[in-house]
């Protein structure tokens, strides 16, 4: 079932569903947080977007670090009961984070910031440090998995353990690292890792700030 069909079945005639409109944020320390409502695979993503201030109480949330990809607002979600178009990457994040029986609260810039308002975008950029440092955790989204993505992720701790041992010995070289991981540069594990590391997320200038705050 397509997303459009799912929305139509849930909410009736798609043309009769109003389009979501952002309300202005109330102050310089205010942000929006997004609650992803429960759903199952194939369902249209439904969310609730609400404002919160860093000067007051707010729910625990997960900050999303990801790349926008192609900036085309083609993916339909339901936001506060209304239709809203977002990017393909943002929708994939929401579908991945969605739980079958509980609500998940996140911050994701594509939706939590009114991208049509330049003043709001500028003010929210100044809050990025607070947004990520106040988050309960930061979830890094590299994109949908390839066939060998799990192999690459599983290989990372193997490399880290080997590096720790080599650093203690005082000598780290490519040859010793390959020996310590019992592999060679053309092994499936290294090839999978190389494919993972060329993903766009690793090229972003904001990465260091987002993952260290």
Foldseek 3Di string as FASTA:
>chain_A
DDACVLCCVVPNDQVPFAADDDDDADDLQKWKKKKFAADDPPHATEIEIDMDGPVDDDDAAEEEQEDQPPFDFDGWHQYPRGIGTFGPQVRVVSNVPHHNHDIHMYDDCRPGFPPVDPVRVVSVVVCLLVRLVRHPYYDYDLDDDDPCLVLQVVCVVQLVVQVVVCVVVVDDDPVSSCVSSVHDCPDSNNVNNVVSCPGCSVVDPCVVSNHPD
